[in-house]
Amino acid sequence: MSWQTASSEEKRLYASEEAKSKRKVIRERYPPDQGGRSEEELLADCARKALAATTDVAFLLDSRFRLRAFNPAAAAVLKWEASTAIGQGCAHVLRCRNLDHLPLCGTAGCPLVRVLQGGQPLANEEIILGAEAAQDWEASVSVTPVLTPEDRYVFFLARDVSALKMANRMREHFVSMVSHELRTPLNSVHGFIELLLRGQMGPLNETQREYLGYASEALQQLLSLAEDVLFMARSDAGHFELRRQQVNIETLAQQVLESMLPLARKAEIVMSKDFELPTPLVHADPQRMKQVLSNLLGNAIKFTPPGGTVILRARPDPDDPQMVLLSVKDTGFGIAPEDQPHVFERFYQATHSMQSRMGGYGLGLTIARLIVEQHGGKIWFETVPNRGTTFFFTLPLYRESVVAEQSRGDDPN
């Protein structure tokens, strides 16, 4: 009988016999060595072996904050013994603290409380663990709720980040120190070049003056780089400081525009100002605001071809009557779609040829965002490739009542 003339029942029986035959061949070639265990049992066994082998600290607590289980890494790092640690309250064996060394036990910041109450896992929480000062270690923990018919549990998985954070602190200190030490000799060289350009060391011919001008410009770029790197290092170390006061933003903007005129003329760019504010007074740090405006205007000039325009505008914020909206609009090359998500990343450099020829080191916009956000504002941009870009940012208006309230809040008495 051929396959074409067989009935559907005969075909089904044939297929079933063929499948049994294949399974038999597989069992003979790859005999099971798991003692007939189910798939769930095999997975559970693999999980136990993985937890036993990992160098990450893992432990399980119940809803009464008692330690129920932990892996060998936890025993080694936190000096636990199963006979004494199991069943103990986490306040006695974990001693969780925040990075300021303040206890978390019994507070709303306790990760165990937050997970049990919220029912959602926490990821990459940085805390300090350890029952004694000699055993302190900074850990990045992931905390996951585990629900069973008997109880609610919380699973902790912690990774030691003490060495990494120490290396980061050393790097930040080194960068800060080098940037600070660079400023003194650079300022000295800049001062001597200025003396030469003014003719105080004798007359200069045109070629000498031209070359000294190039040296002065390059030196100014180095000084700006040192200042920006030092600013970021201090910010990363938590030493960001604002000296906010009443500032006439229109007057300050005019000062910045005048300081940028030589750069704009050299690039053959026309700059203008368009302010329409009921009051030009903002509550801001004037030096930091000059830094923001200089960075945004400098970028606009740099990425606008000769004959283009750059406009600095200010209006009341349509979304918040207590804020002012400023913008820097250019008619430049715009920002390519692939670069737009990375605009505010530090040291990011676009890859396309036009932007790479412009130079720079990728900190200006990062610093601008940091300063604006520390003032309580926000910063964003709109761009059309080959038609231009507009950067927007907001600042708080100066209000006597708010400033007085903030001053009272800062008063330790």
Protein backbone atom coordinates (compact mmCIF):
# COMPACT_ATOMS: atom_id res chain seq x y z
CA MET A 1 0.00 0.00 0.00
CA SER A 2 1.42 3.38 -0.97
CA TRP A 3 1.38 6.49 1.26
CA GLN A 4 -1.04 8.22 -1.13
CA THR A 5 -3.66 5.46 -0.79
CA ALA A 6 -3.37 5.06 3.03
CA SER A 7 -6.24 6.26 5.20
CA SER A 8 -5.85 9.16 7.62
CA GLU A 9 -5.94 6.76 10.61
CA GLU A 10 -3.18 4.63 9.12
CA LYS A 11 -1.09 7.77 8.52
CA ARG A 12 -1.60 8.90 12.14
CA LEU A 13 -0.53 5.50 13.52
CA TYR A 14 2.50 5.49 11.25
CA ALA A 15 3.54 8.99 12.41
CA SER A 16 3.09 8.01 16.06
CA GLU A 17 5.27 4.90 15.65
CA GLU A 18 7.92 6.97 13.85
CA ALA A 19 8.00 9.53 16.69
CA LYS A 20 8.39 6.76 19.29
CA SER A 21 11.24 5.30 17.29
CA LYS A 22 13.04 8.68 17.16
CA ARG A 23 12.65 9.18 20.93
CA LYS A 24 14.09 5.72 21.50
CA VAL A 25 17.13 6.49 19.37
CA ILE A 26 17.70 9.77 21.27
CA ARG A 27 17.44 7.99 24.64
CA GLU A 28 19.94 5.35 23.51
CA ARG A 29 22.43 7.95 22.21
CA TYR A 30 21.96 10.38 25.13
CA PRO A 31 20.93 8.30 28.15
CA PRO A 32 19.45 10.32 31.02
CA ASP A 33 21.73 10.61 34.03
CA GLN A 34 19.46 12.76 36.22
CA GLY A 35 17.77 9.98 38.11
CA GLY A 36 14.37 10.66 36.62
CA ARG A 37 14.07 14.17 38.09
CA SER A 38 11.58 16.65 36.68
CA GLU A 39 12.57 19.75 34.74
CA GLU A 40 11.66 21.93 37.74
CA GLU A 41 13.97 19.92 39.98
CA LEU A 42 16.81 20.20 37.48
CA LEU A 43 16.39 23.98 37.22
CA ALA A 44 16.27 24.32 41.00
CA ASP A 45 19.45 22.29 41.29
CA CYS A 46 21.19 24.51 38.70
CA ALA A 47 20.08 27.63 40.57
CA ARG A 48 21.47 26.28 43.85
CA LYS A 49 24.80 25.46 42.23
CA ALA A 50 24.99 28.90 40.61
CA LEU A 51 24.29 30.67 43.91
CA ALA A 52 26.88 28.54 45.64
CA ALA A 53 29.53 29.35 43.02
CA THR A 54 28.90 33.07 42.45
CA THR A 55 31.07 35.70 44.13
CA ASP A 56 28.00 37.94 44.56
CA VAL A 57 26.43 37.95 48.00
CA ALA A 58 22.93 36.43 48.05
CA PHE A 59 20.55 36.02 50.97
CA LEU A 60 16.85 35.52 51.68
CA LEU A 61 14.76 37.26 54.35
CA ASP A 62 11.16 36.65 55.37
CA SER A 63 8.38 39.15 56.03
CA ARG A 64 9.45 39.36 59.70
CA PHE A 65 12.87 40.62 58.63
CA ARG A 66 14.60 37.38 59.63
CA LEU A 67 17.51 35.87 57.72
CA ARG A 68 16.41 32.52 56.26
CA ALA A 69 19.20 31.52 53.85
CA PHE A 70 22.47 32.78 52.35
CA ASN A 71 25.16 31.60 49.96
CA PRO A 72 28.87 30.91 50.70
CA ALA A 73 29.90 34.34 49.38
CA ALA A 74 27.68 36.02 51.98
CA ALA A 75 29.16 33.84 54.71
CA ALA A 76 32.69 34.77 53.64
CA VAL A 77 32.16 38.50 53.14
CA LEU A 78 29.85 39.22 56.07
CA LYS A 79 31.42 36.66 58.43
CA TRP A 80 28.20 34.73 58.97
CA GLU A 81 27.82 31.21 60.37
CA ALA A 82 24.65 29.31 59.64
CA SER A 83 24.28 28.15 63.25
CA THR A 84 24.15 31.71 64.60
CA ALA A 85 22.92 33.85 61.67
CA ILE A 86 19.90 31.90 60.43
CA GLY A 87 16.77 33.18 62.12
CA GLN A 88 18.38 36.41 63.29
CA GLY A 89 16.74 39.74 62.51
CA CYS A 90 18.34 41.66 59.65
CA ALA A 91 19.01 44.64 61.95
CA HIS A 92 21.53 42.47 63.84
CA VAL A 93 23.22 40.74 60.90
CA LEU A 94 22.94 43.25 58.01
CA ARG A 95 23.04 46.69 59.65
CA CYS A 96 22.03 48.38 56.36
CA ARG A 97 23.11 52.04 56.11
CA ASN A 98 22.92 54.62 53.38
CA LEU A 99 26.06 56.13 51.84
CA ASP A 100 26.10 58.77 54.60
CA HIS A 101 26.38 55.90 57.12
CA LEU A 102 22.92 56.60 58.55
CA PRO A 103 21.01 53.44 59.62
CA LEU A 104 18.18 52.33 57.34
CA CYS A 105 16.67 49.80 59.74
CA GLY A 106 13.25 50.91 60.94
CA THR A 107 13.01 53.75 58.40
CA ALA A 108 11.04 54.22 55.20
CA GLY A 109 14.33 54.02 53.27
CA CYS A 110 14.86 50.36 54.23
CA PRO A 111 14.93 48.38 50.94
CA LEU A 112 13.18 45.44 52.60
CA VAL A 113 10.28 47.64 53.73
CA ARG A 114 10.02 49.32 50.33
CA VAL A 115 9.86 46.02 48.46
CA LEU A 116 7.40 44.38 50.83
CA GLN A 117 5.10 47.40 50.81
CA GLY A 118 5.38 48.21 47.11
CA GLY A 119 5.59 44.66 45.79
CA GLN A 120 8.02 45.82 43.12
CA PRO A 121 11.72 44.90 42.79
CA LEU A 122 14.50 47.43 43.34
CA ALA A 123 17.59 47.45 41.15
CA ASN A 124 21.08 48.87 41.73
CA GLU A 125 20.45 50.37 45.15
CA GLU A 126 23.74 51.45 46.75
CA ILE A 127 23.95 50.79 50.48
CA ILE A 128 26.54 49.87 53.11
CA LEU A 129 26.39 46.42 54.68
CA GLY A 130 28.26 44.91 57.60
CA ALA A 131 27.80 44.36 61.31
CA GLU A 132 31.16 45.85 62.33
CA ALA A 133 33.21 48.78 61.07
CA ALA A 134 35.96 46.43 59.92
CA GLN A 135 33.46 44.57 57.76
CA ASP A 136 31.83 47.62 56.15
CA TRP A 137 31.51 47.38 52.42
CA GLU A 138 29.62 49.39 49.83
CA ALA A 139 27.32 47.24 47.78
CA SER A 140 25.05 47.62 44.79
CA VAL A 141 22.00 45.51 45.62
CA SER A 142 19.04 44.21 43.69
CA VAL A 143 16.06 43.38 45.89
CA THR A 144 13.30 41.12 44.58
CA PRO A 145 10.02 40.09 46.29
CA VAL A 146 9.25 36.36 46.32
CA LEU A 147 5.66 35.34 47.10
CA THR A 148 4.81 31.82 48.28
CA PRO A 149 1.60 30.34 49.77
CA GLU A 150 3.31 30.31 53.18
CA ASP A 151 4.91 33.75 53.38
CA ARG A 152 6.38 36.71 51.55
CA TYR A 153 10.15 36.70 51.13
CA VAL A 154 12.72 39.17 49.83
CA PHE A 155 15.76 38.02 47.88
CA PHE A 156 18.88 40.21 48.04
CA LEU A 157 21.69 39.99 45.50
CA ALA A 158 24.60 42.30 46.37
CA ARG A 159 27.85 43.11 44.57
CA ASP A 160 30.81 44.79 46.24
CA VAL A 161 31.52 48.19 44.65
CA SER A 162 33.96 49.48 47.30
CA ALA A 163 37.05 49.04 45.13
CA LEU A 164 35.33 50.57 42.10
CA LYS A 165 34.18 53.61 44.07
CA MET A 166 37.62 54.07 45.58
CA ALA A 167 39.14 53.99 42.09
CA ASN A 168 36.57 56.55 40.91
CA ARG A 169 37.37 58.83 43.85
CA MET A 170 41.09 58.59 43.11
CA ARG A 171 40.46 59.35 39.44
CA GLU A 172 38.29 62.36 40.29
CA HIS A 173 40.90 63.65 42.74
CA PHE A 174 43.66 63.24 40.16
CA VAL A 175 41.67 65.02 37.43
CA SER A 176 40.76 67.82 39.82
CA MET A 177 44.34 68.24 40.99
CA VAL A 178 45.82 68.25 37.48
CA SER A 179 43.19 70.68 36.17
CA HIS A 180 43.80 73.00 39.13
CA GLU A 181 47.58 72.88 38.78
CA LEU A 182 47.39 73.52 35.04
CA ARG A 183 45.62 76.84 35.47
CA THR A 184 48.55 78.64 37.16
CA PRO A 185 51.19 78.10 34.42
CA LEU A 186 48.63 78.58 31.66
CA ASN A 187 47.51 81.88 33.13
CA SER A 188 51.14 82.97 33.43
CA VAL A 189 51.86 82.17 29.78
CA HIS A 190 48.66 83.91 28.75
CA GLY A 191 49.66 87.02 30.70
CA PHE A 192 53.10 87.18 29.07
CA ILE A 193 51.58 86.80 25.60
CA GLU A 194 49.20 89.67 26.34
CA LEU A 195 52.14 91.86 27.42
CA LEU A 196 53.92 91.09 24.15
CA LEU A 197 50.80 91.82 22.08
CA ARG A 198 50.39 95.19 23.82
CA GLY A 199 53.92 96.14 22.85
CA GLN A 200 55.18 96.49 26.42
CA MET A 201 58.22 94.35 25.62
CA GLY A 202 59.00 96.29 22.47
CA PRO A 203 57.45 96.77 19.03
CA LEU A 204 56.23 93.76 17.03
CA ASN A 205 55.99 93.31 13.29
CA GLU A 206 52.79 92.01 11.70
CA THR A 207 54.01 88.41 11.40
CA GLN A 208 55.02 88.28 15.07
CA ARG A 209 51.69 89.76 16.13
CA GLU A 210 49.80 87.24 13.95
CA TYR A 211 51.61 84.23 15.40
CA LEU A 212 51.25 85.47 18.97
CA GLY A 213 47.53 85.88 18.29
CA TYR A 214 47.34 82.21 17.26
CA ALA A 215 49.21 81.21 20.43
CA SER A 216 46.88 83.31 22.59
CA GLU A 217 43.80 81.75 21.03
CA ALA A 218 45.12 78.20 21.50
CA LEU A 219 46.06 79.00 25.09
CA GLN A 220 42.59 80.31 25.79
CA GLN A 221 41.15 77.02 24.57
CA LEU A 222 43.43 75.14 26.96
CA LEU A 223 42.35 77.36 29.84
CA SER A 224 38.69 76.77 28.99
CA LEU A 225 39.28 73.01 28.89
CA ALA A 226 41.04 73.04 32.27
CA GLU A 227 38.21 75.11 33.79
CA ASP A 228 35.51 72.80 32.38
CA VAL A 229 37.24 69.60 33.49
CA LEU A 230 37.76 71.08 36.96
CA PHE A 231 34.09 72.09 37.07
CA MET A 232 32.93 68.56 36.18
CA ALA A 233 35.32 66.97 38.69
CA ARG A 234 34.00 69.20 41.48
CA SER A 235 30.43 68.47 40.45
CA ASP A 236 31.04 64.72 40.45
CA ALA A 237 32.52 65.02 43.93
CA GLY A 238 29.38 66.82 45.16
CA HIS A 239 31.04 70.22 45.43
CA PHE A 240 28.74 72.02 43.04
CA GLU A 241 28.04 75.47 44.44
CA LEU A 242 25.60 78.16 43.31
CA ARG A 243 25.61 81.77 44.48
CA ARG A 244 22.14 82.82 43.43
CA GLN A 245 21.06 86.43 43.55
CA GLN A 246 18.91 88.94 41.74
CA VAL A 247 20.23 89.10 38.16
CA ASN A 248 19.12 91.29 35.25
CA ILE A 249 19.24 88.59 32.60
CA GLU A 250 19.01 91.11 29.73
CA THR A 251 22.07 93.04 30.95
CA LEU A 252 23.97 89.82 31.54
CA ALA A 253 23.03 88.52 28.07
CA GLN A 254 24.28 91.74 26.48
CA GLN A 255 27.63 91.33 28.24
CA VAL A 256 27.99 87.78 26.94
CA LEU A 257 27.03 88.82 23.38
CA GLU A 258 29.68 91.55 23.41
CA SER A 259 32.31 89.10 24.64
CA MET A 260 31.41 86.72 21.77
CA LEU A 261 31.57 89.42 19.07
CA PRO A 262 35.21 88.76 18.03
CA LEU A 263 34.43 85.06 17.53
CA ALA A 264 31.26 85.86 15.56
CA ARG A 265 33.04 88.40 13.32
CA LYS A 266 35.83 85.94 12.59
CA ALA A 267 33.21 83.32 11.61
CA GLU A 268 31.22 85.93 9.63
CA ILE A 269 28.12 85.35 11.75
CA VAL A 270 25.54 88.03 12.60
CA MET A 271 24.36 87.90 16.23
CA SER A 272 21.28 89.63 17.63
CA LYS A 273 19.20 89.82 20.81
CA ASP A 274 15.39 89.73 21.07
CA PHE A 275 14.04 90.14 24.61
CA GLU A 276 10.36 90.61 25.45
CA LEU A 277 10.03 90.25 29.23
CA PRO A 278 7.75 92.07 31.67
CA THR A 279 10.65 91.90 34.12
CA PRO A 280 14.22 90.86 33.26
CA LEU A 281 15.07 89.84 36.85
CA VAL A 282 15.89 86.19 37.48
CA HIS A 283 17.13 84.31 40.55
CA ALA A 284 20.42 82.88 39.36
CA ASP A 285 24.19 82.66 39.77
CA PRO A 286 25.47 85.32 37.33
CA GLN A 287 28.82 83.63 36.64
CA ARG A 288 27.18 80.28 35.94
CA MET A 289 24.61 81.92 33.67
CA LYS A 290 27.39 83.56 31.69
CA GLN A 291 28.90 80.10 31.34
CA VAL A 292 25.64 78.65 30.00
CA LEU A 293 25.08 81.47 27.50
CA SER A 294 28.72 81.42 26.36
CA ASN A 295 28.59 77.68 25.77
CA LEU A 296 25.33 77.83 23.80
CA LEU A 297 26.33 80.89 21.74
CA GLY A 298 29.79 79.46 21.09
CA ASN A 299 28.28 76.21 19.81
CA ALA A 300 25.82 78.11 17.62
CA ILE A 301 28.61 80.20 16.05
CA LYS A 302 30.83 77.17 15.59
CA PHE A 303 28.22 75.15 13.70
CA THR A 304 26.79 77.93 11.53
CA PRO A 305 28.35 78.58 8.11
CA PRO A 306 29.56 82.09 7.13
CA GLY A 307 26.71 84.48 6.45
CA GLY A 308 24.39 82.80 8.97
CA THR A 309 22.65 84.26 11.99
CA VAL A 310 22.45 83.52 15.72
CA ILE A 311 19.59 84.98 17.79
CA LEU A 312 19.34 85.04 21.59
CA ARG A 313 15.70 85.35 22.66
CA ALA A 314 13.88 85.64 25.98
CA ARG A 315 10.15 85.34 26.66
CA PRO A 316 7.90 84.48 29.61
CA ASP A 317 7.63 80.70 29.90
CA PRO A 318 4.17 79.79 28.47
CA ASP A 319 4.05 76.68 30.67
CA ASP A 320 5.07 78.30 33.97
CA PRO A 321 4.47 81.97 34.86
CA GLN A 322 7.24 81.80 37.47
CA MET A 323 9.90 81.00 34.87
CA VAL A 324 11.55 82.77 31.95
CA LEU A 325 12.25 80.95 28.67
CA LEU A 326 15.51 81.70 26.86
CA SER A 327 16.61 80.32 23.52
CA VAL A 328 19.63 80.39 21.21
CA LYS A 329 18.64 79.88 17.57
CA ASP A 330 21.09 79.41 14.70
CA THR A 331 20.86 78.80 10.95
CA GLY A 332 23.59 76.18 10.99
CA PHE A 333 24.08 72.57 10.00
CA GLY A 334 21.63 71.14 12.53
CA ILE A 335 22.14 67.96 14.51
CA ALA A 336 22.09 64.61 12.73
CA PRO A 337 19.40 62.15 13.95
CA GLU A 338 22.01 59.63 15.13
CA ASP A 339 23.69 62.29 17.29
CA GLN A 340 20.58 63.79 18.88
CA PRO A 341 20.23 61.25 21.77
CA HIS A 342 23.83 61.96 22.83
CA VAL A 343 23.90 65.77 22.66
CA PHE A 344 24.19 66.29 26.44
CA GLU A 345 26.60 63.40 27.11
CA ARG A 346 30.02 64.43 28.36
CA PHE A 347 32.90 64.16 25.88
CA TYR A 348 30.56 63.02 23.11
CA GLN A 349 31.85 63.91 19.66
CA ALA A 350 29.75 63.56 16.52
CA THR A 351 31.28 61.45 13.78
CA HIS A 352 30.21 63.30 10.63
CA SER A 353 32.94 65.29 8.88
CA MET A 354 31.48 68.80 9.20
CA GLN A 355 31.18 68.60 12.96
CA SER A 356 34.52 66.84 13.49
CA ARG A 357 36.31 69.69 11.69
CA MET A 358 34.89 72.15 14.21
CA GLY A 359 36.90 70.71 17.11
CA GLY A 360 35.81 70.96 20.73
CA TYR A 361 35.90 68.43 23.51
CA GLY A 362 32.25 67.74 24.26
CA LEU A 363 31.72 69.31 27.70
CA GLY A 364 29.94 72.59 26.92
CA LEU A 365 26.41 71.24 26.66
CA THR A 366 26.92 68.84 29.57
CA ILE A 367 27.91 71.75 31.79
CA ALA A 368 25.05 73.91 30.50
CA ARG A 369 22.50 71.22 31.39
CA LEU A 370 24.01 70.69 34.84
CA ILE A 371 23.89 74.41 35.66
CA VAL A 372 20.35 74.92 34.34
CA GLU A 373 19.00 71.91 36.23
CA GLN A 374 20.69 73.03 39.45
CA HIS A 375 18.77 76.30 39.07
CA GLY A 376 15.51 74.34 38.89
CA GLY A 377 15.12 74.83 35.15
CA LYS A 378 15.20 72.48 32.19
CA ILE A 379 17.04 72.50 28.86
CA TRP A 380 16.19 70.94 25.49
CA PHE A 381 16.61 71.53 21.77
CA GLU A 382 14.84 71.40 18.43
CA THR A 383 16.77 70.84 15.22
CA VAL A 384 16.33 70.39 11.48
CA PRO A 385 19.42 69.04 9.68
CA ASN A 386 20.93 71.64 7.33
CA ARG A 387 18.46 74.30 8.53
CA GLY A 388 19.50 75.04 12.09
CA THR A 389 19.10 74.28 15.78
CA THR A 390 17.42 76.06 18.68
CA PHE A 391 18.42 75.37 22.29
CA PHE A 392 15.84 76.32 24.95
CA PHE A 393 16.27 76.61 28.70
CA THR A 394 14.24 77.99 31.60
CA LEU A 395 15.22 79.98 34.70
CA PRO A 396 13.23 81.05 37.77
CA LEU A 397 12.10 84.66 37.96
CA TYR A 398 13.27 86.63 40.97
CA ARG A 399 10.57 86.81 43.64
CA GLU A 400 11.19 88.39 47.04
CA SER A 401 8.90 86.00 48.92
CA VAL A 402 10.54 82.85 47.51
CA VAL A 403 14.06 84.15 48.12
CA ALA A 404 13.18 85.06 51.72
CA GLU A 405 11.70 81.62 52.29
CA GLN A 406 14.79 79.91 50.88
CA SER A 407 17.02 82.07 53.07
CA ARG A 408 15.06 81.01 56.18
CA GLY A 409 15.37 77.40 55.11
CA ASP A 410 19.16 77.75 54.81
CA ASP A 411 19.46 79.39 58.25
CA PRO A 412 20.74 76.80 60.74
CA ASN A 413 19.11 78.70 63.60
